[in-house]
């Protein structure tokens, strides 16, 4: 189970040109819910942008506390200093989602598992241009040991119960 004390969120490449080739209303709204829930509950967030000059900026407005890492490697951990940045948070669980499921999300999730992290893939906040490739990416991450989850499961695991002082605010995110 996830814990707010042990979690870090890693959003992969939810950028203008990538989102434009998808059903953007779904991916953007799901990603926004995770980011809002993380902010409410004090879970740190890292964001990557793949080749910003070609693919554009992140489409979701980010608060000033969120660090954005520009990358050119599909596996974000291959970027110089990225693993060190992640480890600096002192978290053992990484909640990961973004675009494209079968490329950047998959390769980064596998590298995180190999580095010893417990990886939770937010399936409904991931996307690929092709449904088959999306399905293969999810299956491959699961086979490598990632836990496959969804937005509501993540948020309610972080809350642990309705007595959490942030319960009503988080619940409002999914209504």
C-alpha atoms as a PDB file:
ATOM      1  CA  UNK A   1       0.000   0.000   0.000  1.00  0.00           C
ATOM      2  CA  UNK A   2       1.037   3.550  -0.653  1.00  0.00           C
ATOM      3  CA  UNK A   3       1.927   5.964   2.111  1.00  0.00           C
ATOM      4  CA  UNK A   4       2.102   9.753   1.790  1.00  0.00           C
ATOM      5  CA  UNK A   5       5.299   9.630   3.847  1.00  0.00           C
ATOM      6  CA  UNK A   6       6.993   7.207   1.447  1.00  0.00           C
ATOM      7  CA  UNK A   7       5.641   8.486  -1.898  1.00  0.00           C
ATOM      8  CA  UNK A   8       7.007  10.599  -4.713  1.00  0.00           C
ATOM      9  CA  UNK A   9       5.047  11.390  -7.890  1.00  0.00           C
ATOM     10  CA  UNK A  10       6.816  11.302 -11.261  1.00  0.00           C
ATOM     11  CA  UNK A  11       4.838  12.678 -14.204  1.00  0.00           C
ATOM     12  CA  UNK A  12       6.390  11.775 -17.550  1.00  0.00           C
ATOM     13  CA  UNK A  13       6.117  14.021 -20.613  1.00  0.00           C
ATOM     14  CA  UNK A  14       2.514  15.287 -20.514  1.00  0.00           C
ATOM     15  CA  UNK A  15       3.413  17.831 -23.191  1.00  0.00           C
ATOM     16  CA  UNK A  16       1.616  19.835 -25.857  1.00  0.00           C
ATOM     17  CA  UNK A  17       2.453  17.834 -28.985  1.00  0.00           C
ATOM     18  CA  UNK A  18       2.158  14.442 -27.305  1.00  0.00           C
ATOM     19  CA  UNK A  19      -1.203  15.269 -25.735  1.00  0.00           C
ATOM     20  CA  UNK A  20      -2.504  16.618 -29.056  1.00  0.00           C
ATOM     21  CA  UNK A  21      -2.299  13.108 -30.555  1.00  0.00           C
ATOM     22  CA  UNK A  22      -4.428  11.595 -27.756  1.00  0.00           C
ATOM     23  CA  UNK A  23      -7.829  11.948 -26.122  1.00  0.00           C
ATOM     24  CA  UNK A  24      -6.386  14.836 -24.161  1.00  0.00           C
ATOM     25  CA  UNK A  25      -9.380  15.482 -21.928  1.00  0.00           C
ATOM     26  CA  UNK A  26      -8.945  12.115 -20.231  1.00  0.00           C
ATOM     27  CA  UNK A  27      -5.185  12.087 -19.710  1.00  0.00           C
ATOM     28  CA  UNK A  28      -5.012  15.724 -18.613  1.00  0.00           C
ATOM     29  CA  UNK A  29      -7.911  15.462 -16.147  1.00  0.00           C
ATOM     30  CA  UNK A  30      -6.530  12.264 -14.589  1.00  0.00           C
ATOM     31  CA  UNK A  31      -3.027  13.712 -14.336  1.00  0.00           C
ATOM     32  CA  UNK A  32      -4.430  16.887 -12.773  1.00  0.00           C
ATOM     33  CA  UNK A  33      -6.235  14.853 -10.079  1.00  0.00           C
ATOM     34  CA  UNK A  34      -3.039  13.069  -9.070  1.00  0.00           C
ATOM     35  CA  UNK A  35      -1.074  16.327  -8.981  1.00  0.00           C
ATOM     36  CA  UNK A  36      -3.797  18.094  -6.978  1.00  0.00           C
ATOM     37  CA  UNK A  37      -4.075  15.185  -4.547  1.00  0.00           C
ATOM     38  CA  UNK A  38      -0.312  15.080  -4.114  1.00  0.00           C
ATOM     39  CA  UNK A  39      -0.242  18.812  -3.398  1.00  0.00           C
ATOM     40  CA  UNK A  40      -3.079  18.554  -0.842  1.00  0.00           C
ATOM     41  CA  UNK A  41      -1.367  15.682   0.959  1.00  0.00           C
ATOM     42  CA  UNK A  42       2.203  16.958   0.773  1.00  0.00           C
ATOM     43  CA  UNK A  43       3.538  14.337  -1.649  1.00  0.00           C
ATOM     44  CA  UNK A  44       6.464  15.725  -3.677  1.00  0.00           C
ATOM     45  CA  UNK A  45       6.218  15.811  -7.475  1.00  0.00           C
ATOM     46  CA  UNK A  46       8.833  15.678 -10.228  1.00  0.00           C
ATOM     47  CA  UNK A  47       7.915  16.304 -13.875  1.00  0.00           C
ATOM     48  CA  UNK A  48       9.853  15.410 -17.001  1.00  0.00           C
ATOM     49  CA  UNK A  49       9.646  16.993 -20.427  1.00  0.00           C
ATOM     50  CA  UNK A  50      11.034  15.100 -23.407  1.00  0.00           C
ATOM     51  CA  UNK A  51      12.840  17.369 -25.863  1.00  0.00           C
ATOM     52  CA  UNK A  52      10.845  20.491 -24.957  1.00  0.00           C
ATOM     53  CA  UNK A  53      11.847  22.384 -28.112  1.00  0.00           C
ATOM     54  CA  UNK A  54      10.182  19.762 -30.303  1.00  0.00           C
ATOM     55  CA  UNK A  55       7.315  18.542 -28.117  1.00  0.00           C
ATOM     56  CA  UNK A  56       6.354  21.696 -26.256  1.00  0.00           C
ATOM     57  CA  UNK A  57       5.762  22.405 -22.594  1.00  0.00           C
ATOM     58  CA  UNK A  58       3.809  20.491 -19.994  1.00  0.00           C
ATOM     59  CA  UNK A  59       0.100  21.144 -20.595  1.00  0.00           C
ATOM     60  CA  UNK A  60      -0.916  21.141 -16.941  1.00  0.00           C
ATOM     61  CA  UNK A  61      -0.294  24.299 -14.896  1.00  0.00           C
ATOM     62  CA  UNK A  62       2.307  23.382 -12.285  1.00  0.00           C
ATOM     63  CA  UNK A  63       2.796  25.025  -8.932  1.00  0.00           C
ATOM     64  CA  UNK A  64       6.158  26.599  -8.216  1.00  0.00           C
ATOM     65  CA  UNK A  65       7.237  23.752  -5.893  1.00  0.00           C
ATOM     66  CA  UNK A  66       7.286  21.228  -8.732  1.00  0.00           C
ATOM     67  CA  UNK A  67      10.649  20.610 -10.324  1.00  0.00           C
ATOM     68  CA  UNK A  68      10.672  20.098 -14.117  1.00  0.00           C
ATOM     69  CA  UNK A  69      13.513  18.091 -15.636  1.00  0.00           C
ATOM     70  CA  UNK A  70      14.108  18.371 -19.373  1.00  0.00           C
ATOM     71  CA  UNK A  71      15.296  15.133 -20.926  1.00  0.00           C
ATOM     72  CA  UNK A  72      16.287  13.562 -24.202  1.00  0.00           C
ATOM     73  CA  UNK A  73      16.618   9.970 -22.971  1.00  0.00           C
ATOM     74  CA  UNK A  74      13.452   7.867 -22.975  1.00  0.00           C
ATOM     75  CA  UNK A  75      14.432   6.423 -19.584  1.00  0.00           C
ATOM     76  CA  UNK A  76      14.452   9.500 -17.331  1.00  0.00           C
ATOM     77  CA  UNK A  77      17.017   7.887 -15.035  1.00  0.00           C
ATOM     78  CA  UNK A  78      19.592   8.051 -17.833  1.00  0.00           C
ATOM     79  CA  UNK A  79      19.557  11.858 -17.572  1.00  0.00           C
ATOM     80  CA  UNK A  80      22.525  13.075 -15.590  1.00  0.00           C
ATOM     81  CA  UNK A  81      21.636  13.592 -11.951  1.00  0.00           C
ATOM     82  CA  UNK A  82      18.035  12.331 -12.233  1.00  0.00           C
ATOM     83  CA  UNK A  83      18.460   9.299  -9.980  1.00  0.00           C
ATOM     84  CA  UNK A  84      20.229  11.491  -7.446  1.00  0.00           C
ATOM     85  CA  UNK A  85      17.289  13.977  -7.545  1.00  0.00           C
ATOM     86  CA  UNK A  86      14.814  11.174  -6.933  1.00  0.00           C
ATOM     87  CA  UNK A  87      16.851   9.649  -4.119  1.00  0.00           C
ATOM     88  CA  UNK A  88      17.251  13.066  -2.465  1.00  0.00           C
ATOM     89  CA  UNK A  89      13.557  12.985  -1.528  1.00  0.00           C
ATOM     90  CA  UNK A  90      14.192   9.908   0.618  1.00  0.00           C
ATOM     91  CA  UNK A  91      11.082   8.118  -0.665  1.00  0.00           C
ATOM     92  CA  UNK A  92      10.842   4.421  -1.505  1.00  0.00           C
ATOM     93  CA  UNK A  93       7.585   4.502  -3.511  1.00  0.00           C
ATOM     94  CA  UNK A  94       7.291   6.191  -6.909  1.00  0.00           C
ATOM     95  CA  UNK A  95       3.875   6.880  -8.402  1.00  0.00           C
ATOM     96  CA  UNK A  96       4.473   7.187 -12.145  1.00  0.00           C
ATOM     97  CA  UNK A  97       2.287   8.124 -15.108  1.00  0.00           C
ATOM     98  CA  UNK A  98       2.371   9.993 -18.391  1.00  0.00           C
ATOM     99  CA  UNK A  99       3.057   9.643 -22.100  1.00  0.00           C
ATOM    100  CA  UNK A 100       3.965   7.384 -23.866  1.00  0.00           C
ATOM    101  CA  UNK A 101       3.169   4.351 -21.765  1.00  0.00           C
ATOM    102  CA  UNK A 102       5.178   1.858 -23.803  1.00  0.00           C
ATOM    103  CA  UNK A 103       8.267   4.039 -24.208  1.00  0.00           C
ATOM    104  CA  UNK A 104       9.205   6.672 -21.622  1.00  0.00           C
ATOM    105  CA  UNK A 105       6.907   5.536 -18.802  1.00  0.00           C
ATOM    106  CA  UNK A 106       7.873   1.891 -19.327  1.00  0.00           C
ATOM    107  CA  UNK A 107      11.627   2.472 -19.538  1.00  0.00           C
ATOM    108  CA  UNK A 108      11.642   4.792 -16.524  1.00  0.00           C
ATOM    109  CA  UNK A 109       9.481   2.441 -14.442  1.00  0.00           C
ATOM    110  CA  UNK A 110      11.818  -0.483 -15.191  1.00  0.00           C
ATOM    111  CA  UNK A 111      14.860   1.577 -14.235  1.00  0.00           C
ATOM    112  CA  UNK A 112      13.192   2.657 -10.973  1.00  0.00           C
ATOM    113  CA  UNK A 113      12.421  -0.966 -10.104  1.00  0.00           C
ATOM    114  CA  UNK A 114      16.004  -1.921 -10.885  1.00  0.00           C
ATOM    115  CA  UNK A 115      17.176   0.923  -8.614  1.00  0.00           C
ATOM    116  CA  UNK A 116      15.149  -0.570  -5.733  1.00  0.00           C
ATOM    117  CA  UNK A 117      12.019   1.573  -5.748  1.00  0.00           C
ATOM    118  CA  UNK A 118       8.472   0.293  -5.348  1.00  0.00           C
ATOM    119  CA  UNK A 119       6.722   1.520  -8.506  1.00  0.00           C
ATOM    120  CA  UNK A 120       3.005   2.265  -8.823  1.00  0.00           C
ATOM    121  CA  UNK A 121       1.802   2.913 -12.384  1.00  0.00           C
ATOM    122  CA  UNK A 122      -1.340   5.066 -12.619  1.00  0.00           C
ATOM    123  CA  UNK A 123      -2.896   3.252 -15.575  1.00  0.00           C
ATOM    124  CA  UNK A 124      -5.727   5.699 -16.194  1.00  0.00           C
ATOM    125  CA  UNK A 125      -3.269   8.622 -16.234  1.00  0.00           C
ATOM    126  CA  UNK A 126      -1.045   6.953 -18.849  1.00  0.00           C
ATOM    127  CA  UNK A 127      -1.471   7.058 -22.604  1.00  0.00           C
ATOM    128  CA  UNK A 128      -0.005   5.939 -25.905  1.00  0.00           C
ATOM    129  CA  UNK A 129      -1.080   6.856 -29.400  1.00  0.00           C
ATOM    130  CA  UNK A 130      -1.903   3.209 -30.118  1.00  0.00           C
ATOM    131  CA  UNK A 131      -4.125   1.061 -27.837  1.00  0.00           C
ATOM    132  CA  UNK A 132      -2.080  -2.084 -28.491  1.00  0.00           C
ATOM    133  CA  UNK A 133       1.165  -0.356 -27.506  1.00  0.00           C
ATOM    134  CA  UNK A 134      -0.528   1.079 -24.389  1.00  0.00           C
ATOM    135  CA  UNK A 135      -1.666  -2.406 -23.393  1.00  0.00           C
ATOM    136  CA  UNK A 136       1.796  -3.866 -24.026  1.00  0.00           C
ATOM    137  CA  UNK A 137       3.447  -1.137 -21.961  1.00  0.00           C
ATOM    138  CA  UNK A 138       1.161  -1.771 -18.982  1.00  0.00           C
ATOM    139  CA  UNK A 139       1.632  -5.541 -19.234  1.00  0.00           C
ATOM    140  CA  UNK A 140       5.406  -5.208 -19.526  1.00  0.00           C
ATOM    141  CA  UNK A 141       5.637  -2.932 -16.469  1.00  0.00           C
ATOM    142  CA  UNK A 142       3.494  -5.353 -14.473  1.00  0.00           C
ATOM    143  CA  UNK A 143       5.710  -8.257 -15.553  1.00  0.00           C
ATOM    144  CA  UNK A 144       8.754  -6.312 -14.332  1.00  0.00           C
ATOM    145  CA  UNK A 145       7.189  -5.882 -10.881  1.00  0.00           C
ATOM    146  CA  UNK A 146       5.349  -2.573 -11.087  1.00  0.00           C
ATOM    147  CA  UNK A 147       2.019  -2.343  -9.299  1.00  0.00           C
ATOM    148  CA  UNK A 148      -0.737  -1.240 -11.658  1.00  0.00           C
ATOM    149  CA  UNK A 149      -3.183   1.185 -10.076  1.00  0.00           C
ATOM    150  CA  UNK A 150      -5.560   4.024 -10.920  1.00  0.00           C
ATOM    151  CA  UNK A 151      -6.179   7.585  -9.782  1.00  0.00           C
ATOM    152  CA  UNK A 152      -8.839   6.785  -7.173  1.00  0.00           C
ATOM    153  CA  UNK A 153      -6.881   3.876  -5.702  1.00  0.00           C
ATOM    154  CA  UNK A 154      -3.798   6.072  -5.324  1.00  0.00           C
ATOM    155  CA  UNK A 155      -5.686   8.958  -3.710  1.00  0.00           C
ATOM    156  CA  UNK A 156      -7.557   6.756  -1.246  1.00  0.00           C
ATOM    157  CA  UNK A 157      -4.450   4.764  -0.315  1.00  0.00           C
ATOM    158  CA  UNK A 158      -2.763   8.053   0.515  1.00  0.00           C
ATOM    159  CA  UNK A 159      -5.769   9.115   2.639  1.00  0.00           C
ATOM    160  CA  UNK A 160      -5.982   5.769   4.503  1.00  0.00           C
ATOM    161  CA  UNK A 161      -9.403   6.669   5.890  1.00  0.00           C
ATOM    162  CA  UNK A 162     -12.198   9.222   6.067  1.00  0.00           C
ATOM    163  CA  UNK A 163     -10.736  10.625   9.298  1.00  0.00           C
ATOM    164  CA  UNK A 164      -7.867  12.165   7.334  1.00  0.00           C
ATOM    165  CA  UNK A 165      -8.210  15.956   7.648  1.00  0.00           C
ATOM    166  CA  UNK A 166      -7.839  16.276   3.855  1.00  0.00           C
ATOM    167  CA  UNK A 167     -10.508  13.655   3.061  1.00  0.00           C
ATOM    168  CA  UNK A 168     -13.230  16.016   1.839  1.00  0.00           C
ATOM    169  CA  UNK A 169     -10.792  18.033  -0.302  1.00  0.00           C
ATOM    170  CA  UNK A 170      -9.373  14.906  -1.937  1.00  0.00           C
ATOM    171  CA  UNK A 171     -12.811  13.364  -2.366  1.00  0.00           C
ATOM    172  CA  UNK A 172     -13.898  16.536  -4.182  1.00  0.00           C
ATOM    173  CA  UNK A 173     -11.206  15.892  -6.804  1.00  0.00           C
ATOM    174  CA  UNK A 174     -12.979  12.771  -8.046  1.00  0.00           C
ATOM    175  CA  UNK A 175     -16.576  13.991  -8.005  1.00  0.00           C
END
